[in-house]
C-alpha cells in the first residue's frame, strides 16, 4: 500500500524543476511514492526526464520545507524472466514498487 501523504509543490520549486528538466509540465501536487511508512522523509516523483538513469523528486518531511533532489533510479527488478523494474530511486528503504503490486493482487485461497 502506497503512502497516503501528499504535498503541494511550491511555485519556486515548480520553476526550478522546469529549468532542470525538459518536461513541459510539472505537477503542482505529488503523492509520496514510497510504500506506507512511518514519519520519515516523503518522496514524490516530479519527472524522470533528467539525465539517463535519474529522476527529479520532491523530498519533504512533515510540514518542513520541501526540496528538489535528483536521484539515481533503483536498479532492482522483480524475479523472473519478465521482471518488472522498481520505479523508485536507488537506496530507498521502502519496499520495491513491484513488491507492493504483488501484495495487492495476491490470492489467499
PDB file of N, CA and C in Angstrom:
ATOM      1  N   UNK A   1       0.847  -1.176   0.000  1.00  0.00           N
ATOM      2  CA  UNK A   1       0.000   0.000   0.000  1.00  0.00           C
ATOM      3  C   UNK A   1       0.896   1.243   0.000  1.00  0.00           C
ATOM      4  N   UNK A   2       0.569   2.181  -0.866  1.00  0.00           N
ATOM      5  CA  UNK A   2       1.377   3.393  -1.001  1.00  0.00           C
ATOM      6  C   UNK A   2       1.101   4.366   0.139  1.00  0.00           C
ATOM      7  N   UNK A   3       2.124   5.144   0.494  1.00  0.00           N
ATOM      8  CA  UNK A   3       1.998   6.194   1.500  1.00  0.00           C
ATOM      9  C   UNK A   3       0.880   7.152   1.083  1.00  0.00           C
ATOM     10  N   UNK A   4       0.110   7.617   2.044  1.00  0.00           N
ATOM     11  CA  UNK A   4      -1.041   8.478   1.753  1.00  0.00           C
ATOM     12  C   UNK A   4      -0.701   9.973   1.789  1.00  0.00           C
ATOM     13  N   UNK A   5       0.546  10.330   2.056  1.00  0.00           N
ATOM     14  CA  UNK A   5       0.915  11.746   2.166  1.00  0.00           C
ATOM     15  C   UNK A   5       1.074  12.417   0.803  1.00  0.00           C
ATOM     16  N   UNK A   6       0.459  13.590   0.692  1.00  0.00           N
ATOM     17  CA  UNK A   6       0.555  14.438  -0.491  1.00  0.00           C
ATOM     18  C   UNK A   6       1.233  15.740  -0.102  1.00  0.00           C
ATOM     19  N   UNK A   7       1.810  16.419  -1.105  1.00  0.00           N
ATOM     20  CA  UNK A   7       2.444  17.718  -0.843  1.00  0.00           C
ATOM     21  C   UNK A   7       2.266  18.621  -2.058  1.00  0.00           C
ATOM     22  N   UNK A   8       1.841  19.854  -1.803  1.00  0.00           N
ATOM     23  CA  UNK A   8       1.810  20.863  -2.871  1.00  0.00           C
ATOM     24  C   UNK A   8       3.256  21.233  -3.205  1.00  0.00           C
ATOM     25  N   UNK A   9       3.523  21.423  -4.483  1.00  0.00           N
ATOM     26  CA  UNK A   9       4.859  21.811  -4.912  1.00  0.00           C
ATOM     27  C   UNK A   9       4.904  23.343  -4.960  1.00  0.00           C
ATOM     28  N   UNK A  10       5.759  23.968  -4.131  1.00  0.00           N
ATOM     29  CA  UNK A  10       5.853  25.430  -4.132  1.00  0.00           C
ATOM     30  C   UNK A  10       6.212  25.968  -5.522  1.00  0.00           C
ATOM     31  N   UNK A  11       5.676  27.130  -5.860  1.00  0.00           N
ATOM     32  CA  UNK A  11       5.895  27.710  -7.194  1.00  0.00           C
ATOM     33  C   UNK A  11       7.370  27.860  -7.552  1.00  0.00           C
ATOM     34  N   UNK A  12       8.197  28.264  -6.583  1.00  0.00           N
ATOM     35  CA  UNK A  12       9.617  28.417  -6.887  1.00  0.00           C
ATOM     36  C   UNK A  12      10.257  27.082  -7.258  1.00  0.00           C
ATOM     37  N   UNK A  13       9.785  25.993  -6.642  1.00  0.00           N
ATOM     38  CA  UNK A  13      10.322  24.673  -6.979  1.00  0.00           C
ATOM     39  C   UNK A  13       9.767  24.164  -8.310  1.00  0.00           C
ATOM     40  N   UNK A  14       8.539  24.560  -8.660  1.00  0.00           N
ATOM     41  CA  UNK A  14       7.991  24.219  -9.978  1.00  0.00           C
ATOM     42  C   UNK A  14       8.863  24.864 -11.053  1.00  0.00           C
ATOM     43  N   UNK A  15       9.178  26.139 -10.876  1.00  0.00           N
ATOM     44  CA  UNK A  15      10.035  26.848 -11.840  1.00  0.00           C
ATOM     45  C   UNK A  15      11.410  26.186 -11.938  1.00  0.00           C
ATOM     46  N   UNK A  16      11.985  25.871 -10.788  1.00  0.00           N
ATOM     47  CA  UNK A  16      13.306  25.231 -10.773  1.00  0.00           C
ATOM     48  C   UNK A  16      13.254  23.861 -11.448  1.00  0.00           C
ATOM     49  N   UNK A  17      12.189  23.108 -11.215  1.00  0.00           N
ATOM     50  CA  UNK A  17      12.041  21.784 -11.835  1.00  0.00           C
ATOM     51  C   UNK A  17      11.959  21.908 -13.351  1.00  0.00           C
ATOM     52  N   UNK A  18      11.243  22.911 -13.832  1.00  0.00           N
ATOM     53  CA  UNK A  18      11.134  23.124 -15.288  1.00  0.00           C
ATOM     54  C   UNK A  18      12.495  23.484 -15.882  1.00  0.00           C
ATOM     55  N   UNK A  19      13.305  24.226 -15.136  1.00  0.00           N
ATOM     56  CA  UNK A  19      14.641  24.588 -15.614  1.00  0.00           C
ATOM     57  C   UNK A  19      15.575  23.385 -15.660  1.00  0.00           C
ATOM     58  N   UNK A  20      15.429  22.468 -14.705  1.00  0.00           N
ATOM     59  CA  UNK A  20      16.311  21.309 -14.612  1.00  0.00           C
ATOM     60  C   UNK A  20      15.887  20.175 -15.535  1.00  0.00           C
ATOM     61  N   UNK A  21      14.701  20.258 -16.095  1.00  0.00           N
ATOM     62  CA  UNK A  21      14.157  19.161 -16.871  1.00  0.00           C
ATOM     63  C   UNK A  21      13.622  19.678 -18.193  1.00  0.00           C
ATOM     64  N   UNK A  22      13.556  18.793 -19.169  1.00  0.00           N
ATOM     65  CA  UNK A  22      12.967  19.149 -20.459  1.00  0.00           C
ATOM     66  C   UNK A  22      11.455  18.967 -20.435  1.00  0.00           C
ATOM     67  N   UNK A  23      10.922  18.487 -19.336  1.00  0.00           N
ATOM     68  CA  UNK A  23       9.479  18.260 -19.231  1.00  0.00           C
ATOM     69  C   UNK A  23       8.733  19.594 -19.271  1.00  0.00           C
ATOM     70  N   UNK A  24       7.728  19.712 -20.132  1.00  0.00           N
ATOM     71  CA  UNK A  24       6.991  20.976 -20.231  1.00  0.00           C
ATOM     72  C   UNK A  24       6.005  21.190 -19.091  1.00  0.00           C
ATOM     73  N   UNK A  25       5.687  20.128 -18.367  1.00  0.00           N
ATOM     74  CA  UNK A  25       4.670  20.215 -17.325  1.00  0.00           C
ATOM     75  C   UNK A  25       5.190  19.567 -16.049  1.00  0.00           C
ATOM     76  N   UNK A  26       5.002  20.244 -14.926  1.00  0.00           N
ATOM     77  CA  UNK A  26       5.368  19.702 -13.616  1.00  0.00           C
ATOM     78  C   UNK A  26       4.121  19.764 -12.743  1.00  0.00           C
ATOM     79  N   UNK A  27       3.761  18.656 -12.132  1.00  0.00           N
ATOM     80  CA  UNK A  27       2.578  18.618 -11.270  1.00  0.00           C
ATOM     81  C   UNK A  27       2.697  19.631 -10.144  1.00  0.00           C
ATOM     82  N   UNK A  28       1.573  20.181  -9.741  1.00  0.00           N
ATOM     83  CA  UNK A  28       1.526  21.146  -8.636  1.00  0.00           C
ATOM     84  C   UNK A  28       1.386  20.447  -7.283  1.00  0.00           C
ATOM     85  N   UNK A  29       1.051  19.169  -7.288  1.00  0.00           N
ATOM     86  CA  UNK A  29       0.960  18.379  -6.058  1.00  0.00           C
ATOM     87  C   UNK A  29       1.423  16.962  -6.376  1.00  0.00           C
ATOM     88  N   UNK A  30       2.112  16.345  -5.425  1.00  0.00           N
ATOM     89  CA  UNK A  30       2.608  14.984  -5.622  1.00  0.00           C
ATOM     90  C   UNK A  30       2.281  14.124  -4.407  1.00  0.00           C
ATOM     91  N   UNK A  31       2.105  12.841  -4.663  1.00  0.00           N
ATOM     92  CA  UNK A  31       1.907  11.873  -3.585  1.00  0.00           C
ATOM     93  C   UNK A  31       3.230  11.165  -3.342  1.00  0.00           C
ATOM     94  N   UNK A  32       3.519  10.868  -2.084  1.00  0.00           N
ATOM     95  CA  UNK A  32       4.720  10.100  -1.753  1.00  0.00           C
ATOM     96  C   UNK A  32       4.630   8.754  -2.456  1.00  0.00           C
ATOM     97  N   UNK A  33       5.687   8.371  -3.160  1.00  0.00           N
ATOM     98  CA  UNK A  33       5.706   7.136  -3.934  1.00  0.00           C
ATOM     99  C   UNK A  33       6.197   5.927  -3.145  1.00  0.00           C
ATOM    100  N   UNK A  34       6.624   6.143  -1.915  1.00  0.00           N
ATOM    101  CA  UNK A  34       7.076   5.023  -1.092  1.00  0.00           C
ATOM    102  C   UNK A  34       5.876   4.226  -0.600  1.00  0.00           C
ATOM    103  N   UNK A  35       6.115   2.995  -0.196  1.00  0.00           N
ATOM    104  CA  UNK A  35       5.048   2.237   0.442  1.00  0.00           C
ATOM    105  C   UNK A  35       4.760   2.896   1.795  1.00  0.00           C
ATOM    106  N   UNK A  36       3.625   2.578   2.386  1.00  0.00           N
ATOM    107  CA  UNK A  36       3.245   3.183   3.668  1.00  0.00           C
ATOM    108  C   UNK A  36       4.432   3.082   4.632  1.00  0.00           C
ATOM    109  N   UNK A  37       4.740   4.194   5.296  1.00  0.00           N
ATOM    110  CA  UNK A  37       5.904   4.217   6.187  1.00  0.00           C
ATOM    111  C   UNK A  37       5.663   5.172   7.340  1.00  0.00           C
ATOM    112  N   UNK A  38       6.570   5.092   8.312  1.00  0.00           N
ATOM    113  CA  UNK A  38       6.482   5.958   9.485  1.00  0.00           C
ATOM    114  C   UNK A  38       6.769   7.396   9.103  1.00  0.00           C
ATOM    115  N   UNK A  39       7.032   8.191  10.063  1.00  0.00           N
ATOM    116  CA  UNK A  39       7.190   9.635   9.891  1.00  0.00           C
ATOM    117  C   UNK A  39       8.589  10.010   9.418  1.00  0.00           C
ATOM    118  N   UNK A  40       9.042   9.409   8.327  1.00  0.00           N
ATOM    119  CA  UNK A  40      10.355   9.757   7.778  1.00  0.00           C
ATOM    120  C   UNK A  40      10.150  10.616   6.529  1.00  0.00           C
ATOM    121  N   UNK A  41      11.206  10.824   5.759  1.00  0.00           N
ATOM    122  CA  UNK A  41      11.104  11.636   4.547  1.00  0.00           C
ATOM    123  C   UNK A  41      10.119  11.026   3.554  1.00  0.00           C
ATOM    124  N   UNK A  42       9.412  11.905   2.855  1.00  0.00           N
ATOM    125  CA  UNK A  42       8.490  11.511   1.791  1.00  0.00           C
ATOM    126  C   UNK A  42       9.116  11.928   0.469  1.00  0.00           C
ATOM    127  N   UNK A  43       8.807  11.166  -0.596  1.00  0.00           N
ATOM    128  CA  UNK A  43       9.369  11.429  -1.918  1.00  0.00           C
ATOM    129  C   UNK A  43       8.272  11.348  -2.967  1.00  0.00           C
ATOM    130  N   UNK A  44       8.050  12.456  -3.660  1.00  0.00           N
ATOM    131  CA  UNK A  44       7.085  12.499  -4.751  1.00  0.00           C
ATOM    132  C   UNK A  44       7.813  12.687  -6.068  1.00  0.00           C
ATOM    133  N   UNK A  45       7.499  11.866  -7.063  1.00  0.00           N
ATOM    134  CA  UNK A  45       8.154  11.927  -8.363  1.00  0.00           C
ATOM    135  C   UNK A  45       7.653  13.135  -9.143  1.00  0.00           C
ATOM    136  N   UNK A  46       8.571  13.978  -9.584  1.00  0.00           N
ATOM    137  CA  UNK A  46       8.215  15.123 -10.421  1.00  0.00           C
ATOM    138  C   UNK A  46       8.378  14.794 -11.896  1.00  0.00           C
ATOM    139  N   UNK A  47       9.526  14.249 -12.270  1.00  0.00           N
ATOM    140  CA  UNK A  47       9.755  13.856 -13.663  1.00  0.00           C
ATOM    141  C   UNK A  47      10.957  12.918 -13.750  1.00  0.00           C
ATOM    142  N   UNK A  48      10.903  12.024 -14.701  1.00  0.00           N
ATOM    143  CA  UNK A  48      12.059  11.152 -14.950  1.00  0.00           C
ATOM    144  C   UNK A  48      12.765  11.581 -16.226  1.00  0.00           C
ATOM    145  N   UNK A  49      12.594  12.814 -16.614  1.00  0.00           N
ATOM    146  CA  UNK A  49      13.150  13.354 -17.841  1.00  0.00           C
ATOM    147  C   UNK A  49      14.518  13.987 -17.616  1.00  0.00           C
ATOM    148  N   UNK A  50      15.181  13.623 -16.535  1.00  0.00           N
ATOM    149  CA  UNK A  50      16.527  14.148 -16.272  1.00  0.00           C
ATOM    150  C   UNK A  50      17.545  13.307 -17.044  1.00  0.00           C
ATOM    151  N   UNK A  51      18.779  13.374 -16.642  1.00  0.00           N
ATOM    152  CA  UNK A  51      19.828  12.575 -17.277  1.00  0.00           C
ATOM    153  C   UNK A  51      19.473  11.092 -17.190  1.00  0.00           C
ATOM    154  N   UNK A  52      19.987  10.322 -18.113  1.00  0.00           N
ATOM    155  CA  UNK A  52      19.698   8.885 -18.163  1.00  0.00           C
ATOM    156  C   UNK A  52      19.931   8.223 -16.806  1.00  0.00           C
ATOM    157  N   UNK A  53      18.947   7.452 -16.354  1.00  0.00           N
ATOM    158  CA  UNK A  53      19.086   6.702 -15.111  1.00  0.00           C
ATOM    159  C   UNK A  53      18.838   7.508 -13.858  1.00  0.00           C
ATOM    160  N   UNK A  54      18.274   8.712 -13.996  1.00  0.00           N
ATOM    161  CA  UNK A  54      17.954   9.527 -12.830  1.00  0.00           C
ATOM    162  C   UNK A  54      16.552  10.106 -12.970  1.00  0.00           C
ATOM    163  N   UNK A  55      16.034  10.628 -11.873  1.00  0.00           N
ATOM    164  CA  UNK A  55      14.724  11.284 -11.884  1.00  0.00           C
ATOM    165  C   UNK A  55      14.755  12.462 -10.910  1.00  0.00           C
ATOM    166  N   UNK A  56      13.847  13.391 -11.127  1.00  0.00           N
ATOM    167  CA  UNK A  56      13.722  14.560 -10.265  1.00  0.00           C
ATOM    168  C   UNK A  56      12.588  14.312  -9.280  1.00  0.00           C
ATOM    169  N   UNK A  57      12.911  14.395  -7.996  1.00  0.00           N
ATOM    170  CA  UNK A  57      11.970  14.101  -6.918  1.00  0.00           C
ATOM    171  C   UNK A  57      11.774  15.315  -6.022  1.00  0.00           C
ATOM    172  N   UNK A  58      10.612  15.393  -5.384  1.00  0.00           N
ATOM    173  CA  UNK A  58      10.365  16.362  -4.322  1.00  0.00           C
ATOM    174  C   UNK A  58      10.496  15.596  -3.012  1.00  0.00           C
ATOM    175  N   UNK A  59      11.361  16.077  -2.127  1.00  0.00           N
ATOM    176  CA  UNK A  59      11.547  15.431  -0.823  1.00  0.00           C
ATOM    177  C   UNK A  59      11.040  16.380   0.258  1.00  0.00           C
ATOM    178  N   UNK A  60      10.265  15.829   1.217  1.00  0.00           N
ATOM    179  CA  UNK A  60       9.791  16.640   2.338  1.00  0.00           C
ATOM    180  C   UNK A  60       9.626  15.762   3.571  1.00  0.00           C
ATOM    181  N   UNK A  61       9.557  16.402   4.718  1.00  0.00           N
ATOM    182  CA  UNK A  61       9.374  15.709   5.991  1.00  0.00           C
ATOM    183  C   UNK A  61       8.315  16.469   6.781  1.00  0.00           C
ATOM    184  N   UNK A  62       7.164  15.852   7.011  1.00  0.00           N
ATOM    185  CA  UNK A  62       6.084  16.521   7.736  1.00  0.00           C
ATOM    186  C   UNK A  62       5.694  17.810   7.051  1.00  0.00           C
ATOM    187  N   UNK A  63       5.697  18.894   7.801  1.00  0.00           N
ATOM    188  CA  UNK A  63       5.370  20.201   7.225  1.00  0.00           C
ATOM    189  C   UNK A  63       6.618  21.024   6.950  1.00  0.00           C
ATOM    190  N   UNK A  64       7.798  20.399   7.094  1.00  0.00           N
ATOM    191  CA  UNK A  64       9.048  21.106   6.819  1.00  0.00           C
ATOM    192  C   UNK A  64       9.131  21.496   5.350  1.00  0.00           C
ATOM    193  N   UNK A  65      10.054  22.384   5.068  1.00  0.00           N
ATOM    194  CA  UNK A  65      10.256  22.854   3.705  1.00  0.00           C
ATOM    195  C   UNK A  65      10.612  21.699   2.773  1.00  0.00           C
ATOM    196  N   UNK A  66      10.102  21.764   1.562  1.00  0.00           N
ATOM    197  CA  UNK A  66      10.374  20.744   0.551  1.00  0.00           C
ATOM    198  C   UNK A  66      11.597  21.151  -0.264  1.00  0.00           C
ATOM    199  N   UNK A  67      12.240  20.160  -0.886  1.00  0.00           N
ATOM    200  CA  UNK A  67      13.388  20.435  -1.748  1.00  0.00           C
ATOM    201  C   UNK A  67      13.382  19.499  -2.943  1.00  0.00           C
ATOM    202  N   UNK A  68      14.010  19.950  -4.036  1.00  0.00           N
ATOM    203  CA  UNK A  68      14.174  19.120  -5.218  1.00  0.00           C
ATOM    204  C   UNK A  68      15.448  18.307  -5.071  1.00  0.00           C
ATOM    205  N   UNK A  69      15.376  17.040  -5.449  1.00  0.00           N
ATOM    206  CA  UNK A  69      16.562  16.193  -5.432  1.00  0.00           C
ATOM    207  C   UNK A  69      16.579  15.344  -6.702  1.00  0.00           C
ATOM    208  N   UNK A  70      17.751  15.226  -7.301  1.00  0.00           N
ATOM    209  CA  UNK A  70      17.934  14.340  -8.449  1.00  0.00           C
ATOM    210  C   UNK A  70      18.537  13.062  -7.903  1.00  0.00           C
ATOM    211  N   UNK A  71      17.836  11.952  -8.107  1.00  0.00           N
ATOM    212  CA  UNK A  71      18.271  10.669  -7.543  1.00  0.00           C
ATOM    213  C   UNK A  71      18.394   9.620  -8.642  1.00  0.00           C
ATOM    214  N   UNK A  72      19.379   8.713  -8.512  1.00  0.00           N
ATOM    215  CA  UNK A  72      19.510   7.628  -9.494  1.00  0.00           C
ATOM    216  C   UNK A  72      18.358   6.641  -9.344  1.00  0.00           C
ATOM    217  N   UNK A  73      17.965   6.045 -10.461  1.00  0.00           N
ATOM    218  CA  UNK A  73      16.890   5.053 -10.445  1.00  0.00           C
ATOM    219  C   UNK A  73      17.303   3.805  -9.674  1.00  0.00           C
ATOM    220  N   UNK A  74      16.335   3.165  -9.035  1.00  0.00           N
ATOM    221  CA  UNK A  74      16.585   1.896  -8.342  1.00  0.00           C
ATOM    222  C   UNK A  74      16.893   0.832  -9.400  1.00  0.00           C
ATOM    223  N   UNK A  75      17.983   0.096  -9.234  1.00  0.00           N
ATOM    224  CA  UNK A  75      18.361  -0.903 -10.237  1.00  0.00           C
ATOM    225  C   UNK A  75      17.702  -2.278 -10.043  1.00  0.00           C
ATOM    226  N   UNK A  76      16.915  -2.459  -8.997  1.00  0.00           N
ATOM    227  CA  UNK A  76      16.382  -3.778  -8.657  1.00  0.00           C
ATOM    228  C   UNK A  76      15.159  -4.106  -9.507  1.00  0.00           C
ATOM    229  N   UNK A  77      15.125  -5.343 -10.007  1.00  0.00           N
ATOM    230  CA  UNK A  77      13.976  -5.828 -10.775  1.00  0.00           C
ATOM    231  C   UNK A  77      13.372  -7.038 -10.086  1.00  0.00           C
ATOM    232  N   UNK A  78      12.109  -7.280 -10.364  1.00  0.00           N
ATOM    233  CA  UNK A  78      11.415  -8.440  -9.798  1.00  0.00           C
ATOM    234  C   UNK A  78      12.034  -9.720 -10.347  1.00  0.00           C
ATOM    235  N   UNK A  79      11.951 -10.796  -9.561  1.00  0.00           N
ATOM    236  CA  UNK A  79      12.495 -12.066 -10.046  1.00  0.00           C
ATOM    237  C   UNK A  79      11.712 -12.567 -11.262  1.00  0.00           C
ATOM    238  N   UNK A  80      12.362 -13.392 -12.048  1.00  0.00           N
ATOM    239  CA  UNK A  80      11.715 -13.974 -13.221  1.00  0.00           C
ATOM    240  C   UNK A  80      12.209 -13.343 -14.508  1.00  0.00           C
ATOM    241  N   UNK A  81      11.949 -14.016 -15.632  1.00  0.00           N
ATOM    242  CA  UNK A  81      12.465 -13.536 -16.913  1.00  0.00           C
ATOM    243  C   UNK A  81      11.857 -12.195 -17.358  1.00  0.00           C
ATOM    244  N   UNK A  82      10.648 -11.901 -16.933  1.00  0.00           N
ATOM    245  CA  UNK A  82       9.994 -10.641 -17.307  1.00  0.00           C
ATOM    246  C   UNK A  82       9.899  -9.711 -16.112  1.00  0.00           C
ATOM    247  N   UNK A  83      10.906  -9.734 -15.252  1.00  0.00           N
ATOM    248  CA  UNK A  83      10.878  -8.960 -14.016  1.00  0.00           C
ATOM    249  C   UNK A  83      10.659  -7.476 -14.245  1.00  0.00           C
ATOM    250  N   UNK A  84       9.675  -6.935 -13.543  1.00  0.00           N
ATOM    251  CA  UNK A  84       9.357  -5.511 -13.616  1.00  0.00           C
ATOM    252  C   UNK A  84      10.385  -4.732 -12.812  1.00  0.00           C
ATOM    253  N   UNK A  85      10.799  -3.601 -13.315  1.00  0.00           N
ATOM    254  CA  UNK A  85      11.752  -2.758 -12.611  1.00  0.00           C
ATOM    255  C   UNK A  85      11.073  -1.961 -11.516  1.00  0.00           C
ATOM    256  N   UNK A  86      11.834  -1.622 -10.490  1.00  0.00           N
ATOM    257  CA  UNK A  86      11.328  -0.774  -9.416  1.00  0.00           C
ATOM    258  C   UNK A  86      11.262   0.663  -9.929  1.00  0.00           C
ATOM    259  N   UNK A  87      10.207   1.371  -9.603  1.00  0.00           N
ATOM    260  CA  UNK A  87      10.001   2.747 -10.075  1.00  0.00           C
ATOM    261  C   UNK A  87      10.477   3.793  -9.071  1.00  0.00           C
ATOM    262  N   UNK A  88      11.212   3.368  -8.052  1.00  0.00           N
ATOM    263  CA  UNK A  88      11.720   4.304  -7.045  1.00  0.00           C
ATOM    264  C   UNK A  88      13.168   4.652  -7.340  1.00  0.00           C
ATOM    265  N   UNK A  89      13.872   5.160  -6.365  1.00  0.00           N
ATOM    266  CA  UNK A  89      15.257   5.593  -6.514  1.00  0.00           C
ATOM    267  C   UNK A  89      16.190   4.642  -5.781  1.00  0.00           C
ATOM    268  N   UNK A  90      17.447   4.628  -6.194  1.00  0.00           N
ATOM    269  CA  UNK A  90      18.448   3.762  -5.573  1.00  0.00           C
ATOM    270  C   UNK A  90      18.596   4.111  -4.097  1.00  0.00           C
ATOM    271  N   UNK A  91      18.684   3.094  -3.263  1.00  0.00           N
ATOM    272  CA  UNK A  91      18.908   3.298  -1.842  1.00  0.00           C
ATOM    273  C   UNK A  91      17.653   3.528  -1.016  1.00  0.00           C
ATOM    274  N   UNK A  92      16.474   3.468  -1.635  1.00  0.00           N
ATOM    275  CA  UNK A  92      15.256   3.660  -0.840  1.00  0.00           C
ATOM    276  C   UNK A  92      15.130   2.536   0.176  1.00  0.00           C
ATOM    277  N   UNK A  93      14.470   2.801   1.288  1.00  0.00           N
ATOM    278  CA  UNK A  93      14.338   1.791   2.339  1.00  0.00           C
ATOM    279  C   UNK A  93      12.962   1.151   2.359  1.00  0.00           C
ATOM    280  N   UNK A  94      12.041   1.659   1.554  1.00  0.00           N
ATOM    281  CA  UNK A  94      10.699   1.067   1.471  1.00  0.00           C
ATOM    282  C   UNK A  94      10.737  -0.127   0.525  1.00  0.00           C
ATOM    283  N   UNK A  95       9.617  -0.828   0.440  1.00  0.00           N
ATOM    284  CA  UNK A  95       9.531  -1.956  -0.492  1.00  0.00           C
ATOM    285  C   UNK A  95       9.666  -1.451  -1.923  1.00  0.00           C
ATOM    286  N   UNK A  96      10.115  -2.344  -2.798  1.00  0.00           N
ATOM    287  CA  UNK A  96      10.160  -2.011  -4.216  1.00  0.00           C
ATOM    288  C   UNK A  96       8.733  -1.923  -4.737  1.00  0.00           C
ATOM    289  N   UNK A  97       8.515  -1.131  -5.770  1.00  0.00           N
ATOM    290  CA  UNK A  97       7.148  -0.918  -6.268  1.00  0.00           C
ATOM    291  C   UNK A  97       6.508  -2.216  -6.746  1.00  0.00           C
ATOM    292  N   UNK A  98       7.270  -3.122  -7.304  1.00  0.00           N
ATOM    293  CA  UNK A  98       6.674  -4.380  -7.752  1.00  0.00           C
ATOM    294  C   UNK A  98       6.303  -5.273  -6.567  1.00  0.00           C
ATOM    295  N   UNK A  99       6.934  -5.119  -5.410  1.00  0.00           N
ATOM    296  CA  UNK A  99       6.552  -5.874  -4.215  1.00  0.00           C
ATOM    297  C   UNK A  99       5.183  -5.419  -3.716  1.00  0.00           C
ATOM    298  N   UNK A 100       4.923  -4.114  -3.768  1.00  0.00           N
ATOM    299  CA  UNK A 100       3.611  -3.600  -3.387  1.00  0.00           C
ATOM    300  C   UNK A 100       2.543  -4.159  -4.318  1.00  0.00           C
ATOM    301  N   UNK A 101       2.829  -4.210  -5.613  1.00  0.00           N
ATOM    302  CA  UNK A 101       1.855  -4.713  -6.587  1.00  0.00           C
ATOM    303  C   UNK A 101       1.555  -6.190  -6.337  1.00  0.00           C
ATOM    304  N   UNK A 102       2.566  -6.973  -5.981  1.00  0.00           N
ATOM    305  CA  UNK A 102       2.347  -8.401  -5.705  1.00  0.00           C
ATOM    306  C   UNK A 102       1.405  -8.587  -4.520  1.00  0.00           C
ATOM    307  N   UNK A 103       1.558  -7.777  -3.476  1.00  0.00           N
ATOM    308  CA  UNK A 103       0.699  -7.900  -2.301  1.00  0.00           C
ATOM    309  C   UNK A 103      -0.738  -7.540  -2.623  1.00  0.00           C
ATOM    310  N   UNK A 104      -0.944  -6.551  -3.501  1.00  0.00           N
ATOM    311  CA  UNK A 104      -2.293  -6.098  -3.819  1.00  0.00           C
ATOM    312  C   UNK A 104      -3.067  -7.120  -4.626  1.00  0.00           C
ATOM    313  N   UNK A 105      -2.390  -7.950  -5.436  1.00  0.00           N
ATOM    314  CA  UNK A 105      -3.087  -8.894  -6.292  1.00  0.00           C
ATOM    315  C   UNK A 105      -2.949 -10.342  -5.814  1.00  0.00           C
ATOM    316  N   UNK A 106      -2.281 -10.580  -4.696  1.00  0.00           N
ATOM    317  CA  UNK A 106      -2.067 -11.951  -4.261  1.00  0.00           C
ATOM    318  C   UNK A 106      -3.386 -12.578  -3.771  1.00  0.00           C
ATOM    319  N   UNK A 107      -3.497 -13.882  -3.988  1.00  0.00           N
ATOM    320  CA  UNK A 107      -4.690 -14.624  -3.598  1.00  0.00           C
ATOM    321  C   UNK A 107      -4.438 -15.296  -2.242  1.00  0.00           C
ATOM    322  N   UNK A 108      -5.480 -15.422  -1.438  1.00  0.00           N
ATOM    323  CA  UNK A 108      -5.323 -16.076  -0.131  1.00  0.00           C
ATOM    324  C   UNK A 108      -6.034 -17.407  -0.095  1.00  0.00           C
ATOM    325  N   UNK A 109      -6.469 -17.898  -1.252  1.00  0.00           N
ATOM    326  CA  UNK A 109      -7.009 -19.250  -1.348  1.00  0.00           C
ATOM    327  C   UNK A 109      -8.423 -19.316  -1.025  1.00  0.00           C
TER     328      UNK A 109
END
